[in-house]
Amino acid sequence: MQRFEAILLFYRPYFLWSLGINIVLLIFSPFIPPIIISKLLLTIFLWYLVTETKAKQKLIFYKNLGISTFKLFASIFLIDIFITLVFTLLISEFI
């Protein structure tokens, strides 16, 4: 449970960006597969950005907790996809 809370702590600053991207993706394509592919590409970009900048120092904390970089970003992707699917399904019911 402590690891999951740590992963959520890492995801929290990116949540608003993810929500904004969800809205933009829904405007351009209300279909689920392109949204999931876009989120995967954005997660890969986030991984590259974090590992190649000074934000790499944040990853040391997660490595000390026993969370590898792959597990961290895979978990973030799965959490983000879950939130995206819920958001997309709720919005599509009202449109």
N, C-alpha and C. Protein backbone atom coordinates (compact mmCIF):
# COMPACT_ATOMS: atom_id res chain seq x y z
N MET A 1 0.82 -1.19 0.00
CA MET A 1 0.00 0.00 0.00
C MET A 1 0.87 1.26 0.00
N GLN A 2 2.00 1.17 0.68
CA GLN A 2 2.91 2.31 0.73
C GLN A 2 3.47 2.63 -0.66
N ARG A 3 3.75 1.61 -1.43
CA ARG A 3 4.25 1.82 -2.79
C ARG A 3 3.19 2.45 -3.67
N PHE A 4 1.94 2.01 -3.53
CA PHE A 4 0.86 2.59 -4.32
C PHE A 4 0.68 4.07 -3.99
N GLU A 5 0.77 4.42 -2.71
CA GLU A 5 0.67 5.82 -2.31
C GLU A 5 1.83 6.64 -2.88
N ALA A 6 3.01 6.03 -2.93
CA ALA A 6 4.16 6.72 -3.50
C ALA A 6 3.97 6.96 -5.00
N ILE A 7 3.39 5.98 -5.68
CA ILE A 7 3.12 6.13 -7.11
C ILE A 7 2.09 7.23 -7.34
N LEU A 8 1.06 7.27 -6.51
CA LEU A 8 0.06 8.35 -6.62
C LEU A 8 0.69 9.71 -6.33
N LEU A 9 1.64 9.75 -5.42
CA LEU A 9 2.34 10.99 -5.12
C LEU A 9 3.12 11.47 -6.34
N PHE A 10 3.72 10.53 -7.07
CA PHE A 10 4.45 10.88 -8.29
C PHE A 10 3.49 11.36 -9.39
N TYR A 11 2.30 10.75 -9.45
CA TYR A 11 1.34 11.06 -10.51
C TYR A 11 0.60 12.37 -10.26
N ARG A 12 0.48 12.80 -9.02
CA ARG A 12 -0.33 13.96 -8.66
C ARG A 12 0.00 15.23 -9.45
N PRO A 13 1.27 15.61 -9.65
CA PRO A 13 1.54 16.84 -10.43
C PRO A 13 1.12 16.74 -11.90
N TYR A 14 1.03 15.52 -12.41
CA TYR A 14 0.70 15.33 -13.81
C TYR A 14 -0.80 15.13 -14.05
N PHE A 15 -1.57 15.08 -12.99
CA PHE A 15 -3.00 14.81 -13.11
C PHE A 15 -3.73 15.90 -13.90
N LEU A 16 -3.48 17.16 -13.59
CA LEU A 16 -4.17 18.25 -14.30
C LEU A 16 -3.78 18.29 -15.78
N TRP A 17 -2.51 18.01 -16.07
CA TRP A 17 -2.09 17.94 -17.46
C TRP A 17 -2.82 16.80 -18.17
N SER A 18 -2.94 15.69 -17.50
CA SER A 18 -3.64 14.54 -18.08
C SER A 18 -5.10 14.85 -18.33
N LEU A 19 -5.73 15.54 -17.41
CA LEU A 19 -7.13 15.92 -17.58
C LEU A 19 -7.30 16.86 -18.77
N GLY A 20 -6.40 17.82 -18.91
CA GLY A 20 -6.46 18.72 -20.06
C GLY A 20 -6.26 17.99 -21.37
N ILE A 21 -5.35 17.04 -21.38
CA ILE A 21 -5.11 16.25 -22.58
C ILE A 21 -6.32 15.38 -22.89
N ASN A 22 -6.98 14.87 -21.84
CA ASN A 22 -8.21 14.09 -22.06
C ASN A 22 -9.26 14.93 -22.78
N ILE A 23 -9.43 16.15 -22.37
CA ILE A 23 -10.43 17.03 -22.98
C ILE A 23 -10.08 17.29 -24.45
N VAL A 24 -8.81 17.58 -24.71
CA VAL A 24 -8.38 17.84 -26.09
C VAL A 24 -8.56 16.59 -26.95
N LEU A 25 -8.20 15.44 -26.43
CA LEU A 25 -8.35 14.20 -27.21
C LEU A 25 -9.80 13.86 -27.46
N LEU A 26 -10.67 14.17 -26.50
CA LEU A 26 -12.10 13.92 -26.71
C LEU A 26 -12.68 14.83 -27.79
N ILE A 27 -12.16 16.04 -27.88
CA ILE A 27 -12.64 16.96 -28.91
C ILE A 27 -12.27 16.44 -30.30
N PHE A 28 -11.03 15.95 -30.45
CA PHE A 28 -10.57 15.51 -31.76
C PHE A 28 -11.02 14.10 -32.12
N SER A 29 -11.07 13.22 -31.12
CA SER A 29 -11.44 11.83 -31.41
C SER A 29 -12.11 11.22 -30.19
N PRO A 30 -13.42 10.98 -30.25
CA PRO A 30 -14.11 10.40 -29.09
C PRO A 30 -13.96 8.88 -28.98
N PHE A 31 -13.11 8.29 -29.78
CA PHE A 31 -12.93 6.85 -29.77
C PHE A 31 -11.82 6.45 -28.81
N ILE A 32 -11.98 5.31 -28.18
CA ILE A 32 -11.07 4.86 -27.12
C ILE A 32 -9.67 4.47 -27.64
N PRO A 33 -9.51 3.68 -28.70
CA PRO A 33 -8.16 3.25 -29.11
C PRO A 33 -7.19 4.40 -29.42
N PRO A 34 -7.59 5.45 -30.15
CA PRO A 34 -6.62 6.53 -30.37
C PRO A 34 -6.25 7.26 -29.09
N ILE A 35 -7.18 7.33 -28.15
CA ILE A 35 -6.89 7.98 -26.88
C ILE A 35 -5.87 7.17 -26.10
N ILE A 36 -6.02 5.84 -26.09
CA ILE A 36 -5.07 4.99 -25.36
C ILE A 36 -3.69 5.05 -26.00
N ILE A 37 -3.62 5.05 -27.32
CA ILE A 37 -2.33 5.15 -28.00
C ILE A 37 -1.68 6.49 -27.72
N SER A 38 -2.47 7.56 -27.72
CA SER A 38 -1.93 8.88 -27.41
C SER A 38 -1.40 8.94 -25.99
N LYS A 39 -2.12 8.35 -25.05
CA LYS A 39 -1.68 8.33 -23.66
C LYS A 39 -0.39 7.51 -23.50
N LEU A 40 -0.27 6.41 -24.26
CA LEU A 40 0.95 5.63 -24.22
C LEU A 40 2.14 6.44 -24.72
N LEU A 41 1.96 7.13 -25.82
CA LEU A 41 3.04 7.97 -26.36
C LEU A 41 3.39 9.10 -25.41
N LEU A 42 2.40 9.69 -24.76
CA LEU A 42 2.67 10.75 -23.80
C LEU A 42 3.38 10.22 -22.55
N THR A 43 3.07 9.00 -22.15
CA THR A 43 3.76 8.40 -21.01
C THR A 43 5.22 8.12 -21.36
N ILE A 44 5.47 7.66 -22.57
CA ILE A 44 6.85 7.44 -23.02
C ILE A 44 7.60 8.76 -23.07
N PHE A 45 6.94 9.81 -23.54
CA PHE A 45 7.57 11.13 -23.57
C PHE A 45 7.87 11.62 -22.15
N LEU A 46 6.95 11.39 -21.22
CA LEU A 46 7.18 11.78 -19.83
C LEU A 46 8.36 11.02 -19.24
N TRP A 47 8.46 9.72 -19.55
CA TRP A 47 9.60 8.94 -19.08
C TRP A 47 10.91 9.52 -19.61
N TYR A 48 10.93 9.84 -20.90
CA TYR A 48 12.13 10.43 -21.50
C TYR A 48 12.46 11.76 -20.85
N LEU A 49 11.46 12.59 -20.63
CA LEU A 49 11.66 13.90 -20.03
C LEU A 49 12.21 13.78 -18.62
N VAL A 50 11.67 12.89 -17.84
CA VAL A 50 12.11 12.73 -16.45
C VAL A 50 13.51 12.14 -16.38
N THR A 51 13.81 11.17 -17.22
CA THR A 51 15.12 10.52 -17.14
C THR A 51 16.25 11.37 -17.72
N GLU A 52 15.92 12.34 -18.56
CA GLU A 52 16.97 13.14 -19.20
C GLU A 52 17.13 14.54 -18.60
N THR A 53 16.38 14.88 -17.58
CA THR A 53 16.50 16.20 -16.97
C THR A 53 16.86 16.05 -15.49
N LYS A 54 16.84 17.17 -14.79
CA LYS A 54 17.15 17.15 -13.36
C LYS A 54 16.08 16.44 -12.54
N ALA A 55 14.94 16.18 -13.14
CA ALA A 55 13.87 15.46 -12.44
C ALA A 55 14.26 14.01 -12.20
N LYS A 56 15.36 13.58 -12.77
CA LYS A 56 15.84 12.20 -12.59
C LYS A 56 16.13 11.93 -11.11
N GLN A 57 16.45 12.97 -10.36
CA GLN A 57 16.73 12.81 -8.94
C GLN A 57 15.51 12.33 -8.17
N LYS A 58 14.31 12.64 -8.67
CA LYS A 58 13.09 12.15 -8.03
C LYS A 58 13.00 10.63 -8.06
N LEU A 59 13.57 10.03 -9.09
CA LEU A 59 13.47 8.59 -9.26
C LEU A 59 14.25 7.82 -8.19
N ILE A 60 15.22 8.46 -7.57
CA ILE A 60 16.02 7.80 -6.53
C ILE A 60 15.12 7.41 -5.35
N PHE A 61 14.19 8.29 -4.99
CA PHE A 61 13.26 8.00 -3.91
C PHE A 61 12.46 6.74 -4.20
N TYR A 62 11.98 6.60 -5.41
CA TYR A 62 11.17 5.44 -5.78
C TYR A 62 12.01 4.18 -5.88
N LYS A 63 13.25 4.31 -6.32
CA LYS A 63 14.14 3.15 -6.36
C LYS A 63 14.44 2.66 -4.94
N ASN A 64 14.56 3.59 -3.99
CA ASN A 64 14.79 3.20 -2.60
C ASN A 64 13.59 2.46 -2.01
N LEU A 65 12.40 2.76 -2.52
CA LEU A 65 11.20 2.04 -2.08
C LEU A 65 11.03 0.70 -2.78
N GLY A 66 11.89 0.41 -3.74
CA GLY A 66 11.81 -0.86 -4.45
C GLY A 66 10.95 -0.80 -5.69
N ILE A 67 10.70 0.42 -6.18
CA ILE A 67 9.88 0.59 -7.39
C ILE A 67 10.83 0.94 -8.53
N SER A 68 10.91 0.08 -9.51
CA SER A 68 11.78 0.37 -10.65
C SER A 68 11.14 1.45 -11.52
N THR A 69 11.94 2.02 -12.38
CA THR A 69 11.44 3.07 -13.28
C THR A 69 10.35 2.53 -14.19
N PHE A 70 10.53 1.30 -14.67
CA PHE A 70 9.52 0.70 -15.53
C PHE A 70 8.21 0.49 -14.79
N LYS A 71 8.28 -0.04 -13.56
CA LYS A 71 7.06 -0.25 -12.77
C LYS A 71 6.36 1.07 -12.47
N LEU A 72 7.15 2.10 -12.19
CA LEU A 72 6.58 3.42 -11.88
C LEU A 72 5.80 3.97 -13.06
N PHE A 73 6.41 3.97 -14.23
CA PHE A 73 5.73 4.54 -15.39
C PHE A 73 4.64 3.63 -15.93
N ALA A 74 4.79 2.32 -15.78
CA ALA A 74 3.71 1.41 -16.17
C ALA A 74 2.50 1.61 -15.25
N SER A 75 2.75 1.80 -13.98
CA SER A 75 1.66 2.05 -13.03
C SER A 75 0.97 3.37 -13.34
N ILE A 76 1.77 4.38 -13.64
CA ILE A 76 1.19 5.68 -13.98
C ILE A 76 0.34 5.55 -15.24
N PHE A 77 0.81 4.80 -16.22
CA PHE A 77 0.04 4.59 -17.45
C PHE A 77 -1.28 3.90 -17.15
N LEU A 78 -1.26 2.86 -16.33
CA LEU A 78 -2.49 2.14 -16.00
C LEU A 78 -3.47 3.01 -15.22
N ILE A 79 -2.97 3.78 -14.28
CA ILE A 79 -3.83 4.70 -13.52
C ILE A 79 -4.42 5.74 -14.45
N ASP A 80 -3.59 6.27 -15.34
CA ASP A 80 -4.04 7.29 -16.28
C ASP A 80 -5.08 6.73 -17.25
N ILE A 81 -4.88 5.53 -17.72
CA ILE A 81 -5.85 4.91 -18.62
C ILE A 81 -7.17 4.69 -17.90
N PHE A 82 -7.13 4.24 -16.66
CA PHE A 82 -8.36 4.04 -15.89
C PHE A 82 -9.12 5.36 -15.75
N ILE A 83 -8.42 6.42 -15.37
CA ILE A 83 -9.06 7.73 -15.23
C ILE A 83 -9.59 8.21 -16.57
N THR A 84 -8.82 8.02 -17.63
CA THR A 84 -9.24 8.44 -18.96
C THR A 84 -10.49 7.70 -19.42
N LEU A 85 -10.52 6.39 -19.21
CA LEU A 85 -11.70 5.61 -19.62
C LEU A 85 -12.94 6.04 -18.86
N VAL A 86 -12.80 6.23 -17.56
CA VAL A 86 -13.96 6.69 -16.77
C VAL A 86 -14.42 8.05 -17.25
N PHE A 87 -13.48 8.96 -17.45
CA PHE A 87 -13.80 10.31 -17.92
C PHE A 87 -14.46 10.26 -19.30
N THR A 88 -13.90 9.47 -20.21
CA THR A 88 -14.43 9.37 -21.57
C THR A 88 -15.84 8.78 -21.57
N LEU A 89 -16.04 7.74 -20.80
CA LEU A 89 -17.37 7.13 -20.76
C LEU A 89 -18.41 8.05 -20.12
N LEU A 90 -18.01 8.79 -19.11
CA LEU A 90 -18.96 9.74 -18.49
C LEU A 90 -19.31 10.87 -19.45
N ILE A 91 -18.32 11.43 -20.10
CA ILE A 91 -18.57 12.53 -21.03
C ILE A 91 -19.37 12.05 -22.24
N SER A 92 -19.08 10.87 -22.74
CA SER A 92 -19.81 10.37 -23.92
C SER A 92 -21.28 10.09 -23.61
N GLU A 93 -21.60 9.84 -22.35
CA GLU A 93 -23.01 9.65 -21.97
C GLU A 93 -23.80 10.96 -22.05
N PHE A 94 -23.11 12.07 -21.84
CA PHE A 94 -23.80 13.36 -21.82
C PHE A 94 -23.73 14.09 -23.15
N ILE A 95 -22.95 13.60 -24.08
CA ILE A 95 -22.86 14.26 -25.38
C ILE A 95 -23.77 13.59 -26.38
